[in-house]
Amino acid sequence: SVWGPEEHLALADALRSPHVRRLCMRLGQMS
């Protein structure tokens, strides 16, 4: 795992937002 704890904590915090989760789902479908 190349991420440090700050990155993991920031990601966990960001993913609490429904807007971020929705964008992530859309990005996962892109080429």
All heavy atoms as atom14 arrays in JSON, in Angstrom:
{
  "sequence": "SVWGPEEHLALADALRSPHVRRLCMRLGQMS",
  "atom14_mask": [
    [1, 1, 1, 1, 1, 1, 0, 0, 0, 0, 0, 0, 0, 0],
    [1, 1, 1, 1, 1, 1, 1, 0, 0, 0, 0, 0, 0, 0],
    [1, 1, 1, 1, 1, 1, 1, 1, 1, 1, 1, 1, 1, 1],
    [1, 1, 1, 1, 0, 0, 0, 0, 0, 0, 0, 0, 0, 0],
    [1, 1, 1, 1, 1, 1, 1, 0, 0, 0, 0, 0, 0, 0],
    [1, 1, 1, 1, 1, 1, 1, 1, 1, 0, 0, 0, 0, 0],
    [1, 1, 1, 1, 1, 1, 1, 1, 1, 0, 0, 0, 0, 0],
    [1, 1, 1, 1, 1, 1, 1, 1, 1, 1, 0, 0, 0, 0],
    [1, 1, 1, 1, 1, 1, 1, 1, 0, 0, 0, 0, 0, 0],
    [1, 1, 1, 1, 1, 0, 0, 0, 0, 0, 0, 0, 0, 0],
    [1, 1, 1, 1, 1, 1, 1, 1, 0, 0, 0, 0, 0, 0],
    [1, 1, 1, 1, 1, 0, 0, 0, 0, 0, 0, 0, 0, 0],
    [1, 1, 1, 1, 1, 1, 1, 1, 0, 0, 0, 0, 0, 0],
    [1, 1, 1, 1, 1, 0, 0, 0, 0, 0, 0, 0, 0, 0],
    [1, 1, 1, 1, 1, 1, 1, 1, 0, 0, 0, 0, 0, 0],
    [1, 1, 1, 1, 1, 1, 1, 1, 1, 1, 1, 0, 0, 0],
    [1, 1, 1, 1, 1, 1, 0, 0, 0, 0, 0, 0, 0, 0],
    [1, 1, 1, 1, 1, 1, 1, 0, 0, 0, 0, 0, 0, 0],
    [1, 1, 1, 1, 1, 1, 1, 1, 1, 1, 0, 0, 0, 0],
    [1, 1, 1, 1, 1, 1, 1, 0, 0, 0, 0, 0, 0, 0],
    [1, 1, 1, 1, 1, 1, 1, 1, 1, 1, 1, 0, 0, 0],
    [1, 1, 1, 1, 1, 1, 1, 1, 1, 1, 1, 0, 0, 0],
    [1, 1, 1, 1, 1, 1, 1, 1, 0, 0, 0, 0, 0, 0],
    [1, 1, 1, 1, 1, 1, 0, 0, 0, 0, 0, 0, 0, 0],
    [1, 1, 1, 1, 1, 1, 1, 1, 0, 0, 0, 0, 0, 0],
    [1, 1, 1, 1, 1, 1, 1, 1, 1, 1, 1, 0, 0, 0],
    [1, 1, 1, 1, 1, 1, 1, 1, 0, 0, 0, 0, 0, 0],
    [1, 1, 1, 1, 0, 0, 0, 0, 0, 0, 0, 0, 0, 0],
    [1, 1, 1, 1, 1, 1, 1, 1, 1, 0, 0, 0, 0, 0],
    [1, 1, 1, 1, 1, 1, 1, 1, 0, 0, 0, 0, 0, 0],
    [1, 1, 1, 1, 1, 1, 0, 0, 0, 0, 0, 0, 0, 0]
  ],
  "atom14_positions": [
    [[0.86, -1.18, 0.0], [0.0, 0.0, 0.0], [0.9, 1.22, 0.0], [1.7, 1.41, 0.9], [-0.91, 0.01, 1.23], [-1.66, 1.2, 1.27], [0.0, 0.0, 0.0], [0.0, 0.0, 0.0], [0.0, 0.0, 0.0], [0.0, 0.0, 0.0], [0.0, 0.0, 0.0], [0.0, 0.0, 0.0], [0.0, 0.0, 0.0], [0.0, 0.0, 0.0]],
    [[0.79, 2.03, -1.04], [1.68, 3.18, -1.16], [1.12, 4.42, -0.49], [1.81, 5.41, -0.34], [2.02, 3.49, -2.64], [2.81, 2.35, -3.25], [0.76, 3.75, -3.44], [0.0, 0.0, 0.0], [0.0, 0.0, 0.0], [0.0, 0.0, 0.0], [0.0, 0.0, 0.0], [0.0, 0.0, 0.0], [0.0, 0.0, 0.0], [0.0, 0.0, 0.0]],
    [[-0.13, 4.37, -0.11], [-0.74, 5.51, 0.56], [-0.41, 5.49, 2.03], [-0.39, 4.45, 2.66], [-2.23, 5.48, 0.42], [-2.76, 5.9, -0.92], [-2.05, 6.17, -2.04], [-4.12, 6.1, -1.24], [-2.89, 6.53, -3.05], [-4.17, 6.49, -2.59], [-5.29, 5.99, -0.54], [-5.35, 6.78, -3.24], [-6.48, 6.27, -1.19], [-6.5, 6.67, -2.53]],
    [[-0.17, 6.66, 2.56], [0.0, 6.81, 4.0], [-1.35, 6.94, 4.67], [-2.39, 6.98, 4.01], [0.0, 0.0, 0.0], [0.0, 0.0, 0.0], [0.0, 0.0, 0.0], [0.0, 0.0, 0.0], [0.0, 0.0, 0.0], [0.0, 0.0, 0.0], [0.0, 0.0, 0.0], [0.0, 0.0, 0.0], [0.0, 0.0, 0.0], [0.0, 0.0, 0.0]],
    [[-1.36, 7.03, 5.99], [-2.64, 7.11, 6.7], [-3.43, 8.36, 6.35], [-4.66, 8.33, 6.32], [-2.23, 7.11, 8.17], [-0.8, 7.5, 8.19], [-0.22, 7.04, 6.89], [0.0, 0.0, 0.0], [0.0, 0.0, 0.0], [0.0, 0.0, 0.0], [0.0, 0.0, 0.0], [0.0, 0.0, 0.0], [0.0, 0.0, 0.0], [0.0, 0.0, 0.0]],
    [[-2.75, 9.46, 6.05], [-3.46, 10.69, 5.73], [-4.3, 10.52, 4.48], [-5.44, 10.98, 4.42], [-2.48, 11.86, 5.56], [-1.75, 12.25, 6.81], [-0.56, 11.36, 7.14], [-0.11, 10.58, 6.27], [-0.08, 11.44, 8.28], [0.0, 0.0, 0.0], [0.0, 0.0, 0.0], [0.0, 0.0, 0.0], [0.0, 0.0, 0.0], [0.0, 0.0, 0.0]],
    [[-3.74, 9.85, 3.47], [-4.49, 9.63, 2.23], [-5.68, 8.71, 2.47], [-6.77, 8.93, 1.97], [-3.59, 9.05, 1.13], [-2.57, 10.03, 0.6], [-1.23, 9.97, 1.32], [-1.15, 9.31, 2.38], [-0.28, 10.58, 0.84], [0.0, 0.0, 0.0], [0.0, 0.0, 0.0], [0.0, 0.0, 0.0], [0.0, 0.0, 0.0], [0.0, 0.0, 0.0]],
    [[-5.46, 7.64, 3.25], [-6.55, 6.72, 3.56], [-7.65, 7.43, 4.34], [-8.84, 7.24, 4.07], [-6.04, 5.51, 4.36], [-5.46, 4.45, 3.5], [-6.19, 3.38, 3.03], [-4.21, 4.28, 3.01], [-5.42, 2.61, 2.29], [-4.21, 3.12, 2.27], [0.0, 0.0, 0.0], [0.0, 0.0, 0.0], [0.0, 0.0, 0.0], [0.0, 0.0, 0.0]],
    [[-7.26, 8.24, 5.3], [-8.26, 8.97, 6.1], [-9.0, 9.99, 5.25], [-10.22, 10.16, 5.38], [-7.58, 9.64, 7.3], [-7.0, 8.67, 8.34], [-6.13, 9.42, 9.33], [-8.1, 7.9, 9.04], [0.0, 0.0, 0.0], [0.0, 0.0, 0.0], [0.0, 0.0, 0.0], [0.0, 0.0, 0.0], [0.0, 0.0, 0.0], [0.0, 0.0, 0.0]],
    [[-8.28, 10.67, 4.35], [-8.92, 11.66, 3.47], [-9.9, 10.97, 2.52], [-11.0, 11.49, 2.27], [-7.87, 12.44, 2.68], [0.0, 0.0, 0.0], [0.0, 0.0, 0.0], [0.0, 0.0, 0.0], [0.0, 0.0, 0.0], [0.0, 0.0, 0.0], [0.0, 0.0, 0.0], [0.0, 0.0, 0.0], [0.0, 0.0, 0.0], [0.0, 0.0, 0.0]],
    [[-9.52, 9.81, 2.0], [-10.41, 9.07, 1.12], [-11.67, 8.63, 1.86], [-12.79, 8.79, 1.35], [-9.71, 7.86, 0.51], [-10.56, 6.97, -0.38], [-11.08, 7.75, -1.59], [-9.78, 5.75, -0.82], [0.0, 0.0, 0.0], [0.0, 0.0, 0.0], [0.0, 0.0, 0.0], [0.0, 0.0, 0.0], [0.0, 0.0, 0.0], [0.0, 0.0, 0.0]],
    [[-11.5, 8.09, 3.05], [-12.65, 7.66, 3.84], [-13.59, 8.84, 4.11], [-14.82, 8.72, 4.01], [-12.2, 7.03, 5.14], [0.0, 0.0, 0.0], [0.0, 0.0, 0.0], [0.0, 0.0, 0.0], [0.0, 0.0, 0.0], [0.0, 0.0, 0.0], [0.0, 0.0, 0.0], [0.0, 0.0, 0.0], [0.0, 0.0, 0.0], [0.0, 0.0, 0.0]],
    [[-13.01, 9.99, 4.41], [-13.8, 11.18, 4.67], [-14.55, 11.63, 3.41], [-15.74, 11.94, 3.45], [-12.91, 12.3, 5.2], [-13.71, 13.48, 5.69], [-14.67, 13.28, 6.46], [-13.37, 14.63, 5.31], [0.0, 0.0, 0.0], [0.0, 0.0, 0.0], [0.0, 0.0, 0.0], [0.0, 0.0, 0.0], [0.0, 0.0, 0.0], [0.0, 0.0, 0.0]],
    [[-13.85, 11.62, 2.28], [-14.47, 12.04, 1.02], [-15.62, 11.11, 0.62], [-16.66, 11.56, 0.15], [-13.43, 12.1, -0.09], [0.0, 0.0, 0.0], [0.0, 0.0, 0.0], [0.0, 0.0, 0.0], [0.0, 0.0, 0.0], [0.0, 0.0, 0.0], [0.0, 0.0, 0.0], [0.0, 0.0, 0.0], [0.0, 0.0, 0.0], [0.0, 0.0, 0.0]],
    [[-15.44, 9.81, 0.85], [-16.46, 8.85, 0.43], [-17.72, 8.88, 1.29], [-18.71, 8.23, 0.96], [-15.87, 7.44, 0.41], [-14.89, 7.18, -0.73], [-14.24, 5.82, -0.58], [-15.57, 7.32, -2.08], [0.0, 0.0, 0.0], [0.0, 0.0, 0.0], [0.0, 0.0, 0.0], [0.0, 0.0, 0.0], [0.0, 0.0, 0.0], [0.0, 0.0, 0.0]],
    [[-17.71, 9.66, 2.34], [-18.94, 9.84, 3.13], [-19.96, 10.7, 2.38], [-21.14, 10.65, 2.65], [-18.6, 10.47, 4.48], [-17.95, 9.51, 5.42], [-17.77, 10.12, 6.81], [-16.99, 9.23, 7.62], [-15.66, 9.28, 7.75], [-14.99, 10.2, 7.12], [-15.02, 8.42, 8.48], [0.0, 0.0, 0.0], [0.0, 0.0, 0.0], [0.0, 0.0, 0.0]],
    [[-19.49, 11.48, 1.42], [-20.36, 12.35, 0.64], [-21.06, 11.55, -0.45], [-20.4, 10.89, -1.26], [-19.54, 13.47, 0.0], [-20.27, 14.09, -1.03], [0.0, 0.0, 0.0], [0.0, 0.0, 0.0], [0.0, 0.0, 0.0], [0.0, 0.0, 0.0], [0.0, 0.0, 0.0], [0.0, 0.0, 0.0], [0.0, 0.0, 0.0], [0.0, 0.0, 0.0]],
    [[-22.39, 11.64, -0.53], [-23.08, 10.93, -1.61], [-22.68, 11.46, -2.99], [-22.67, 10.71, -3.96], [-24.57, 11.18, -1.33], [-24.62, 12.29, -0.35], [-23.3, 12.34, 0.35], [0.0, 0.0, 0.0], [0.0, 0.0, 0.0], [0.0, 0.0, 0.0], [0.0, 0.0, 0.0], [0.0, 0.0, 0.0], [0.0, 0.0, 0.0], [0.0, 0.0, 0.0]],
    [[-22.31, 12.73, -3.08], [-21.89, 13.29, -4.37], [-20.58, 12.66, -4.82], [-20.43, 12.32, -5.99], [-21.73, 14.82, -4.27], [-22.97, 15.52, -3.84], [-24.09, 15.62, -4.64], [-23.28, 16.15, -2.7], [-25.04, 16.27, -4.01], [-24.57, 16.62, -2.82], [0.0, 0.0, 0.0], [0.0, 0.0, 0.0], [0.0, 0.0, 0.0], [0.0, 0.0, 0.0]],
    [[-19.65, 12.5, -3.9], [-18.37, 11.89, -4.24], [-18.58, 10.43, -4.64], [-18.01, 9.95, -5.62], [-17.37, 12.02, -3.07], [-16.11, 11.2, -3.33], [-17.01, 13.48, -2.82], [0.0, 0.0, 0.0], [0.0, 0.0, 0.0], [0.0, 0.0, 0.0], [0.0, 0.0, 0.0], [0.0, 0.0, 0.0], [0.0, 0.0, 0.0], [0.0, 0.0, 0.0]],
    [[-19.4, 9.72, -3.89], [-19.67, 8.31, -4.22], [-20.29, 8.18, -5.61], [-19.91, 7.31, -6.39], [-20.57, 7.66, -3.17], [-19.86, 7.39, -1.85], [-20.67, 6.48, -0.95], [-22.04, 6.9, -0.73], [-22.43, 7.72, 0.24], [-21.55, 8.21, 1.08], [-23.7, 8.04, 0.37], [0.0, 0.0, 0.0], [0.0, 0.0, 0.0], [0.0, 0.0, 0.0]],
    [[-21.21, 9.08, -5.93], [-21.86, 9.05, -7.24], [-20.83, 9.31, -8.35], [-20.82, 8.63, -9.38], [-22.99, 10.07, -7.29], [-23.96, 9.88, -8.41], [-25.24, 10.7, -8.31], [-25.11, 12.04, -7.75], [-25.55, 12.39, -6.54], [-26.14, 11.52, -5.75], [-25.41, 13.62, -6.09], [0.0, 0.0, 0.0], [0.0, 0.0, 0.0], [0.0, 0.0, 0.0]],
    [[-19.95, 10.28, -8.14], [-18.91, 10.56, -9.12], [-17.96, 9.38, -9.29], [-17.55, 9.04, -10.4], [-18.11, 11.81, -8.73], [-18.8, 13.14, -8.98], [-18.0, 14.27, -8.33], [-18.96, 13.38, -10.47], [0.0, 0.0, 0.0], [0.0, 0.0, 0.0], [0.0, 0.0, 0.0], [0.0, 0.0, 0.0], [0.0, 0.0, 0.0], [0.0, 0.0, 0.0]],
    [[-17.61, 8.76, -8.17], [-16.72, 7.59, -8.23], [-17.34, 6.46, -9.04], [-16.66, 5.81, -9.84], [-16.37, 7.11, -6.83], [-15.24, 8.18, -5.95], [0.0, 0.0, 0.0], [0.0, 0.0, 0.0], [0.0, 0.0, 0.0], [0.0, 0.0, 0.0], [0.0, 0.0, 0.0], [0.0, 0.0, 0.0], [0.0, 0.0, 0.0], [0.0, 0.0, 0.0]],
    [[-18.62, 6.24, -8.83], [-19.31, 5.2, -9.58], [-19.28, 5.51, -11.08], [-19.04, 4.63, -11.9], [-20.75, 5.04, -9.09], [-20.86, 4.57, -7.65], [-20.16, 2.95, -7.37], [-21.33, 1.95, -8.24], [0.0, 0.0, 0.0], [0.0, 0.0, 0.0], [0.0, 0.0, 0.0], [0.0, 0.0, 0.0], [0.0, 0.0, 0.0], [0.0, 0.0, 0.0]],
    [[-19.48, 6.76, -11.42], [-19.48, 7.16, -12.84], [-18.06, 7.03, -13.41], [-17.88, 6.54, -14.51], [-19.99, 8.6, -12.97], [-19.96, 9.14, -14.38], [-20.94, 8.38, -15.29], [-20.85, 8.9, -16.62], [-20.3, 8.24, -17.65], [-19.84, 7.03, -17.49], [-20.24, 8.79, -18.84], [0.0, 0.0, 0.0], [0.0, 0.0, 0.0], [0.0, 0.0, 0.0]],
    [[-17.07, 7.46, -12.65], [-15.69, 7.36, -13.12], [-15.28, 5.91, -13.36], [-14.53, 5.61, -14.29], [-14.73, 8.01, -12.12], [-14.77, 9.53, -12.03], [-13.97, 10.02, -10.83], [-14.27, 10.17, -13.32], [0.0, 0.0, 0.0], [0.0, 0.0, 0.0], [0.0, 0.0, 0.0], [0.0, 0.0, 0.0], [0.0, 0.0, 0.0], [0.0, 0.0, 0.0]],
    [[-15.8, 5.03, -12.54], [-15.49, 3.61, -12.69], [-16.02, 3.01, -13.98], [-15.58, 1.94, -14.4], [0.0, 0.0, 0.0], [0.0, 0.0, 0.0], [0.0, 0.0, 0.0], [0.0, 0.0, 0.0], [0.0, 0.0, 0.0], [0.0, 0.0, 0.0], [0.0, 0.0, 0.0], [0.0, 0.0, 0.0], [0.0, 0.0, 0.0], [0.0, 0.0, 0.0]],
    [[-16.96, 3.68, -14.62], [-17.55, 3.2, -15.86], [-16.89, 3.81, -17.1], [-17.22, 3.45, -18.23], [-19.05, 3.51, -15.88], [-19.81, 2.85, -14.77], [-21.23, 3.38, -14.63], [-21.62, 4.35, -15.26], [-22.0, 2.74, -13.77], [0.0, 0.0, 0.0], [0.0, 0.0, 0.0], [0.0, 0.0, 0.0], [0.0, 0.0, 0.0], [0.0, 0.0, 0.0]],
    [[-15.95, 4.71, -16.89], [-15.34, 5.43, -18.02], [-14.15, 4.66, -18.61], [-13.48, 3.91, -17.92], [-14.85, 6.81, -17.57], [-15.95, 7.76, -17.26], [-15.25, 9.39, -16.83], [-16.73, 10.35, -16.77], [0.0, 0.0, 0.0], [0.0, 0.0, 0.0], [0.0, 0.0, 0.0], [0.0, 0.0, 0.0], [0.0, 0.0, 0.0], [0.0, 0.0, 0.0]],
    [[-13.91, 4.95, -19.87], [-12.75, 4.38, -20.56], [-11.48, 5.11, -20.11], [-11.55, 6.18, -19.5], [-12.91, 4.53, -22.07], [-12.8, 5.91, -22.43], [0.0, 0.0, 0.0], [0.0, 0.0, 0.0], [0.0, 0.0, 0.0], [0.0, 0.0, 0.0], [0.0, 0.0, 0.0], [0.0, 0.0, 0.0], [0.0, 0.0, 0.0], [0.0, 0.0, 0.0]]
  ]
}
